[in-house]
């Protein structure tokens, strides 16, 4: 840091904030990837199609529990 004439306090503050910003960037990236996946699946007709509904009913029969997402 001395070779670049940077104050140590400023660098420490930036490094502390960068960790939080990195977590926020990662969260935004994950949400964006999930949204893009759903959009493409809907576009191709592969999102919650008839095959999915059949598998959900079979799973409900096997587990005896309702699905988390109901048919709309």
Protein backbone atom coordinates (compact mmCIF):
# COMPACT_ATOMS: atom_id res chain seq x y z
CA UNK A 1 0.00 0.00 0.00
CA UNK A 2 2.88 2.32 0.66
CA UNK A 3 4.10 1.94 -2.90
CA UNK A 4 0.74 3.25 -4.18
CA UNK A 5 0.39 5.91 -1.44
CA UNK A 6 -2.97 4.54 -0.31
CA UNK A 7 -4.19 4.97 3.27
CA UNK A 8 -4.66 1.67 5.09
CA UNK A 9 -8.02 2.75 6.56
CA UNK A 10 -9.51 3.38 3.13
CA UNK A 11 -8.40 0.02 1.80
CA UNK A 12 -9.79 -1.79 4.85
CA UNK A 13 -13.18 -0.06 4.45
CA UNK A 14 -13.32 -0.95 0.76
CA UNK A 15 -12.44 -4.59 1.46
CA UNK A 16 -15.11 -4.80 4.18
CA UNK A 17 -17.84 -3.38 1.95
CA UNK A 18 -16.74 -5.47 -1.03
CA UNK A 19 -17.66 -8.70 0.80
CA UNK A 20 -21.24 -7.51 1.27
CA UNK A 21 -21.44 -6.26 -2.31
CA UNK A 22 -20.16 -9.62 -3.54
CA UNK A 23 -22.99 -11.41 -1.72
CA UNK A 24 -25.51 -9.02 -3.27
CA UNK A 25 -24.07 -9.53 -6.77
CA UNK A 26 -24.25 -13.29 -6.30
CA UNK A 27 -27.87 -13.14 -5.15
CA UNK A 28 -28.85 -11.00 -8.14
CA UNK A 29 -27.02 -13.40 -10.46
CA UNK A 30 -28.81 -16.46 -9.03
CA UNK A 31 -32.24 -14.81 -9.25
CA UNK A 32 -31.53 -13.69 -12.82
CA UNK A 33 -30.47 -17.19 -13.86
CA UNK A 34 -33.60 -18.72 -12.29
CA UNK A 35 -35.84 -16.20 -14.01
CA UNK A 36 -34.16 -16.75 -17.37
CA UNK A 37 -34.59 -20.51 -17.00
CA UNK A 38 -38.32 -20.14 -16.34
CA UNK A 39 -38.77 -17.71 -19.24
CA UNK A 40 -37.06 -20.04 -21.71
CA UNK A 41 -38.97 -23.07 -20.39
CA UNK A 42 -42.28 -21.23 -20.77
CA UNK A 43 -41.28 -20.07 -24.23
CA UNK A 44 -40.53 -23.65 -25.29
CA UNK A 45 -43.69 -25.00 -23.64
CA UNK A 46 -41.75 -27.15 -21.19
CA UNK A 47 -42.74 -25.35 -17.97
CA UNK A 48 -45.51 -27.05 -16.01
CA UNK A 49 -46.77 -28.98 -18.98
CA UNK A 50 -49.05 -32.03 -18.83
CA UNK A 51 -46.12 -34.36 -18.05
CA UNK A 52 -45.23 -32.20 -15.03
CA UNK A 53 -48.82 -32.29 -13.79
CA UNK A 54 -48.93 -36.10 -14.05
CA UNK A 55 -45.65 -36.42 -12.13
CA UNK A 56 -46.95 -34.06 -9.44
CA UNK A 57 -50.09 -36.17 -8.97
CA UNK A 58 -48.00 -39.36 -8.75
CA UNK A 59 -45.72 -37.75 -6.18
CA UNK A 60 -48.71 -36.64 -4.12
CA UNK A 61 -50.07 -40.20 -4.20
CA UNK A 62 -46.76 -41.68 -3.08
CA UNK A 63 -45.97 -39.17 -0.32
CA UNK A 64 -49.54 -38.47 0.79
CA UNK A 65 -48.72 -34.76 0.88
CA UNK A 66 -50.04 -31.98 -1.31
CA UNK A 67 -47.73 -30.36 -3.79
CA UNK A 68 -46.23 -27.04 -2.80
CA UNK A 69 -47.49 -25.49 -6.04
CA UNK A 70 -51.03 -26.21 -7.05
CA UNK A 71 -52.31 -26.31 -10.59
CA UNK A 72 -53.60 -23.01 -11.86
